[in-house]
């Protein structure tokens, strides 16, 4: 797909969202089934069922997906798609590229060993390794725009309103 095709594909959507902003607001959802026999949660994805369990640093055996890894994987996936979309719009050819995310976790927080240790990532770093003929300034702009338009990146950077509830039975 080239920039012209991408613009043509997105043009009617942008026009619709300009005229009817409420149509741009879409509720995404995820649902998981809590394991009955083990400490797990089966999450339905568009690619099939992903079964999450304890990370080995919290007692898991490594046979199930770790939700922390899944968060980083979602970040990498979103950043990769966003990068490719922005590169296409900017007429930048990416011959080959990788996106990596590393997150630092202190498991003392989630295990309740230390109240001073945060529950969750202390830091997350993304790295882009791109094979492109684009000049460095254009690549810098590409990364800047990727960060700006990547939904997962921006969600992590600017925490949304978050709530948890359980209906009483």
C-alpha atoms as a PDB file:
ATOM      1  CA  UNK A   1       0.000   0.000   0.000  1.00  0.00           C
ATOM      2  CA  UNK A   2       1.306   3.458  -0.821  1.00  0.00           C
ATOM      3  CA  UNK A   3       0.458   6.834   0.744  1.00  0.00           C
ATOM      4  CA  UNK A   4      -2.195   7.601  -1.874  1.00  0.00           C
ATOM      5  CA  UNK A   5      -3.995   4.277  -1.237  1.00  0.00           C
ATOM      6  CA  UNK A   6      -3.803   4.799   2.535  1.00  0.00           C
ATOM      7  CA  UNK A   7      -5.227   8.314   2.286  1.00  0.00           C
ATOM      8  CA  UNK A   8      -8.025   7.065   0.002  1.00  0.00           C
ATOM      9  CA  UNK A   9      -8.793   4.250   2.447  1.00  0.00           C
ATOM     10  CA  UNK A  10      -8.924   6.589   5.443  1.00  0.00           C
ATOM     11  CA  UNK A  11     -10.526   9.618   3.735  1.00  0.00           C
ATOM     12  CA  UNK A  12     -14.170   8.543   4.176  1.00  0.00           C
ATOM     13  CA  UNK A  13     -13.518   7.600   7.803  1.00  0.00           C
ATOM     14  CA  UNK A  14     -11.906  10.955   8.568  1.00  0.00           C
ATOM     15  CA  UNK A  15     -14.781  12.798   6.859  1.00  0.00           C
ATOM     16  CA  UNK A  16     -17.363  10.778   8.793  1.00  0.00           C
ATOM     17  CA  UNK A  17     -15.593  11.410  12.116  1.00  0.00           C
ATOM     18  CA  UNK A  18     -15.322  15.120  11.309  1.00  0.00           C
ATOM     19  CA  UNK A  19     -19.045  15.345  10.600  1.00  0.00           C
ATOM     20  CA  UNK A  20     -20.173  12.913  13.322  1.00  0.00           C
ATOM     21  CA  UNK A  21     -17.582  12.859  16.132  1.00  0.00           C
ATOM     22  CA  UNK A  22     -19.640  10.372  18.156  1.00  0.00           C
ATOM     23  CA  UNK A  23     -19.057   7.730  15.462  1.00  0.00           C
ATOM     24  CA  UNK A  24     -15.309   7.899  16.135  1.00  0.00           C
ATOM     25  CA  UNK A  25     -15.838   6.663  19.689  1.00  0.00           C
ATOM     26  CA  UNK A  26     -15.743   2.886  19.624  1.00  0.00           C
ATOM     27  CA  UNK A  27     -15.792   0.644  22.678  1.00  0.00           C
ATOM     28  CA  UNK A  28     -13.192  -2.095  22.420  1.00  0.00           C
ATOM     29  CA  UNK A  29     -13.505  -5.004  24.796  1.00  0.00           C
ATOM     30  CA  UNK A  30     -11.721  -8.040  26.096  1.00  0.00           C
ATOM     31  CA  UNK A  31     -13.066 -10.909  28.125  1.00  0.00           C
ATOM     32  CA  UNK A  32     -11.377 -13.699  29.985  1.00  0.00           C
ATOM     33  CA  UNK A  33     -12.467 -16.856  31.740  1.00  0.00           C
ATOM     34  CA  UNK A  34     -10.834 -17.372  35.109  1.00  0.00           C
ATOM     35  CA  UNK A  35      -9.350 -20.847  35.506  1.00  0.00           C
ATOM     36  CA  UNK A  36     -11.302 -23.212  37.747  1.00  0.00           C
ATOM     37  CA  UNK A  37      -8.477 -25.688  38.404  1.00  0.00           C
ATOM     38  CA  UNK A  38      -5.358 -23.559  38.142  1.00  0.00           C
ATOM     39  CA  UNK A  39      -4.222 -19.966  38.432  1.00  0.00           C
ATOM     40  CA  UNK A  40      -4.958 -18.843  34.897  1.00  0.00           C
ATOM     41  CA  UNK A  41      -7.201 -16.734  32.724  1.00  0.00           C
ATOM     42  CA  UNK A  42      -8.183 -17.662  29.173  1.00  0.00           C
ATOM     43  CA  UNK A  43      -8.527 -14.559  27.029  1.00  0.00           C
ATOM     44  CA  UNK A  44     -10.229 -14.705  23.685  1.00  0.00           C
ATOM     45  CA  UNK A  45      -8.310 -12.809  21.010  1.00  0.00           C
ATOM     46  CA  UNK A  46      -8.947 -12.353  17.313  1.00  0.00           C
ATOM     47  CA  UNK A  47      -6.117 -14.860  16.770  1.00  0.00           C
ATOM     48  CA  UNK A  48      -7.503 -17.467  19.181  1.00  0.00           C
ATOM     49  CA  UNK A  49      -7.388 -18.177  22.902  1.00  0.00           C
ATOM     50  CA  UNK A  50      -4.433 -16.888  24.908  1.00  0.00           C
ATOM     51  CA  UNK A  51      -4.018 -18.517  28.300  1.00  0.00           C
ATOM     52  CA  UNK A  52      -2.325 -16.304  30.856  1.00  0.00           C
ATOM     53  CA  UNK A  53      -0.809 -17.554  34.080  1.00  0.00           C
ATOM     54  CA  UNK A  54       1.779 -16.711  36.669  1.00  0.00           C
ATOM     55  CA  UNK A  55       5.187 -15.476  35.544  1.00  0.00           C
ATOM     56  CA  UNK A  56       8.011 -17.733  36.779  1.00  0.00           C
ATOM     57  CA  UNK A  57       9.146 -14.876  39.066  1.00  0.00           C
ATOM     58  CA  UNK A  58       5.803 -15.240  40.901  1.00  0.00           C
ATOM     59  CA  UNK A  59       5.648 -19.038  40.985  1.00  0.00           C
ATOM     60  CA  UNK A  60       4.548 -19.943  37.467  1.00  0.00           C
ATOM     61  CA  UNK A  61       6.232 -22.622  35.387  1.00  0.00           C
ATOM     62  CA  UNK A  62       6.440 -20.517  32.208  1.00  0.00           C
ATOM     63  CA  UNK A  63       3.990 -22.677  30.260  1.00  0.00           C
ATOM     64  CA  UNK A  64       1.366 -19.911  30.087  1.00  0.00           C
ATOM     65  CA  UNK A  65       1.545 -16.378  28.799  1.00  0.00           C
ATOM     66  CA  UNK A  66       2.472 -13.661  31.282  1.00  0.00           C
ATOM     67  CA  UNK A  67       0.102 -10.690  31.253  1.00  0.00           C
ATOM     68  CA  UNK A  68       3.080  -8.327  31.654  1.00  0.00           C
ATOM     69  CA  UNK A  69       4.619  -9.799  28.516  1.00  0.00           C
ATOM     70  CA  UNK A  70       1.237  -9.499  26.803  1.00  0.00           C
ATOM     71  CA  UNK A  71       1.132  -5.796  27.673  1.00  0.00           C
ATOM     72  CA  UNK A  72       4.564  -5.308  26.094  1.00  0.00           C
ATOM     73  CA  UNK A  73       3.476  -7.396  23.093  1.00  0.00           C
ATOM     74  CA  UNK A  74       0.405  -5.176  22.660  1.00  0.00           C
ATOM     75  CA  UNK A  75       2.672  -2.118  22.790  1.00  0.00           C
ATOM     76  CA  UNK A  76       5.034  -3.583  20.181  1.00  0.00           C
ATOM     77  CA  UNK A  77       2.146  -4.616  17.922  1.00  0.00           C
ATOM     78  CA  UNK A  78       0.465  -1.216  18.125  1.00  0.00           C
ATOM     79  CA  UNK A  79       3.737   0.670  17.635  1.00  0.00           C
ATOM     80  CA  UNK A  80       4.673  -1.537  14.678  1.00  0.00           C
ATOM     81  CA  UNK A  81       1.348  -1.025  12.903  1.00  0.00           C
ATOM     82  CA  UNK A  82       1.383   2.696  13.696  1.00  0.00           C
ATOM     83  CA  UNK A  83       4.985   3.039  12.495  1.00  0.00           C
ATOM     84  CA  UNK A  84       4.173   1.311   9.204  1.00  0.00           C
ATOM     85  CA  UNK A  85       1.054   3.415   8.706  1.00  0.00           C
ATOM     86  CA  UNK A  86       2.892   6.676   9.426  1.00  0.00           C
ATOM     87  CA  UNK A  87       5.837   5.605   7.238  1.00  0.00           C
ATOM     88  CA  UNK A  88       3.398   4.891   4.414  1.00  0.00           C
ATOM     89  CA  UNK A  89       1.751   8.295   4.816  1.00  0.00           C
ATOM     90  CA  UNK A  90       5.201   9.968   4.848  1.00  0.00           C
ATOM     91  CA  UNK A  91       6.375   8.018   1.771  1.00  0.00           C
ATOM     92  CA  UNK A  92       9.141   6.351   3.806  1.00  0.00           C
ATOM     93  CA  UNK A  93      10.094   2.875   2.660  1.00  0.00           C
ATOM     94  CA  UNK A  94      10.925   0.485   5.476  1.00  0.00           C
ATOM     95  CA  UNK A  95      12.886  -2.392   3.933  1.00  0.00           C
ATOM     96  CA  UNK A  96      12.976  -4.256   7.222  1.00  0.00           C
ATOM     97  CA  UNK A  97      12.275  -3.252  10.781  1.00  0.00           C
ATOM     98  CA  UNK A  98      11.842  -4.466  14.323  1.00  0.00           C
ATOM     99  CA  UNK A  99      10.172  -2.940  17.335  1.00  0.00           C
ATOM    100  CA  UNK A 100      11.260  -4.084  20.790  1.00  0.00           C
ATOM    101  CA  UNK A 101       9.888  -3.230  24.213  1.00  0.00           C
ATOM    102  CA  UNK A 102      11.551  -3.934  27.527  1.00  0.00           C
ATOM    103  CA  UNK A 103       9.854  -3.330  30.840  1.00  0.00           C
ATOM    104  CA  UNK A 104      11.433  -3.318  34.285  1.00  0.00           C
ATOM    105  CA  UNK A 105       9.312  -4.996  36.938  1.00  0.00           C
ATOM    106  CA  UNK A 106      10.110  -5.456  40.626  1.00  0.00           C
ATOM    107  CA  UNK A 107       8.123  -8.536  41.592  1.00  0.00           C
ATOM    108  CA  UNK A 108       8.398  -7.687  45.296  1.00  0.00           C
ATOM    109  CA  UNK A 109       5.480  -5.292  44.731  1.00  0.00           C
ATOM    110  CA  UNK A 110       3.036  -7.757  43.222  1.00  0.00           C
ATOM    111  CA  UNK A 111       4.014 -10.471  45.715  1.00  0.00           C
ATOM    112  CA  UNK A 112       3.451  -8.127  48.668  1.00  0.00           C
ATOM    113  CA  UNK A 113       7.061  -8.494  49.839  1.00  0.00           C
ATOM    114  CA  UNK A 114       7.697  -4.731  49.865  1.00  0.00           C
ATOM    115  CA  UNK A 115       5.150  -1.947  50.111  1.00  0.00           C
ATOM    116  CA  UNK A 116       7.793   0.444  48.742  1.00  0.00           C
ATOM    117  CA  UNK A 117       8.105  -1.548  45.510  1.00  0.00           C
ATOM    118  CA  UNK A 118       5.530  -0.538  42.902  1.00  0.00           C
ATOM    119  CA  UNK A 119       3.063  -3.050  41.539  1.00  0.00           C
ATOM    120  CA  UNK A 120       3.588  -2.804  37.811  1.00  0.00           C
ATOM    121  CA  UNK A 121       6.306  -1.661  35.480  1.00  0.00           C
ATOM    122  CA  UNK A 122       8.821   0.852  36.810  1.00  0.00           C
ATOM    123  CA  UNK A 123       9.862   1.716  33.266  1.00  0.00           C
ATOM    124  CA  UNK A 124       9.263   0.629  29.686  1.00  0.00           C
ATOM    125  CA  UNK A 125      11.648   1.321  26.819  1.00  0.00           C
ATOM    126  CA  UNK A 126      10.863   0.850  23.140  1.00  0.00           C
ATOM    127  CA  UNK A 127      13.537   0.490  20.490  1.00  0.00           C
ATOM    128  CA  UNK A 128      13.037   0.757  16.734  1.00  0.00           C
ATOM    129  CA  UNK A 129      15.614  -0.854  14.442  1.00  0.00           C
ATOM    130  CA  UNK A 130      14.795   0.249  10.909  1.00  0.00           C
ATOM    131  CA  UNK A 131      16.398  -0.483   7.572  1.00  0.00           C
ATOM    132  CA  UNK A 132      15.397   2.544   5.514  1.00  0.00           C
ATOM    133  CA  UNK A 133      16.916   4.974   3.040  1.00  0.00           C
ATOM    134  CA  UNK A 134      15.113   7.893   4.712  1.00  0.00           C
ATOM    135  CA  UNK A 135      17.326  10.663   6.090  1.00  0.00           C
ATOM    136  CA  UNK A 136      17.824  10.698   9.897  1.00  0.00           C
ATOM    137  CA  UNK A 137      15.618  13.795  10.422  1.00  0.00           C
ATOM    138  CA  UNK A 138      12.731  12.105   8.623  1.00  0.00           C
ATOM    139  CA  UNK A 139      13.217   8.934  10.703  1.00  0.00           C
ATOM    140  CA  UNK A 140      13.185  11.065  13.880  1.00  0.00           C
ATOM    141  CA  UNK A 141       9.863  12.569  12.758  1.00  0.00           C
ATOM    142  CA  UNK A 142       8.561   9.077  11.973  1.00  0.00           C
ATOM    143  CA  UNK A 143       9.343   7.884  15.515  1.00  0.00           C
ATOM    144  CA  UNK A 144       7.868  11.062  17.031  1.00  0.00           C
ATOM    145  CA  UNK A 145       4.619  10.583  15.082  1.00  0.00           C
ATOM    146  CA  UNK A 146       4.547   6.862  15.895  1.00  0.00           C
ATOM    147  CA  UNK A 147       4.678   7.701  19.607  1.00  0.00           C
ATOM    148  CA  UNK A 148       2.016  10.383  19.126  1.00  0.00           C
ATOM    149  CA  UNK A 149      -0.478   8.149  17.289  1.00  0.00           C
ATOM    150  CA  UNK A 150       0.198   4.756  18.938  1.00  0.00           C
ATOM    151  CA  UNK A 151      -2.888   4.022  21.050  1.00  0.00           C
ATOM    152  CA  UNK A 152      -1.138   1.684  23.490  1.00  0.00           C
ATOM    153  CA  UNK A 153       1.879   3.987  23.919  1.00  0.00           C
ATOM    154  CA  UNK A 154      -0.343   6.986  24.635  1.00  0.00           C
ATOM    155  CA  UNK A 155      -2.580   4.964  26.952  1.00  0.00           C
ATOM    156  CA  UNK A 156       0.429   3.911  29.029  1.00  0.00           C
ATOM    157  CA  UNK A 157       1.919   7.410  28.951  1.00  0.00           C
ATOM    158  CA  UNK A 158      -1.348   9.181  29.878  1.00  0.00           C
ATOM    159  CA  UNK A 159      -3.201   6.810  32.165  1.00  0.00           C
ATOM    160  CA  UNK A 160      -6.908   6.729  31.387  1.00  0.00           C
ATOM    161  CA  UNK A 161      -9.674   6.753  33.946  1.00  0.00           C
ATOM    162  CA  UNK A 162      -9.679   3.181  35.231  1.00  0.00           C
ATOM    163  CA  UNK A 163     -12.149   1.306  37.379  1.00  0.00           C
ATOM    164  CA  UNK A 164     -12.842  -2.231  38.533  1.00  0.00           C
ATOM    165  CA  UNK A 165     -16.095  -3.583  39.852  1.00  0.00           C
ATOM    166  CA  UNK A 166     -17.869  -6.818  40.604  1.00  0.00           C
ATOM    167  CA  UNK A 167     -21.663  -7.033  40.509  1.00  0.00           C
ATOM    168  CA  UNK A 168     -23.084  -8.406  43.733  1.00  0.00           C
ATOM    169  CA  UNK A 169     -24.876 -11.735  43.437  1.00  0.00           C
END
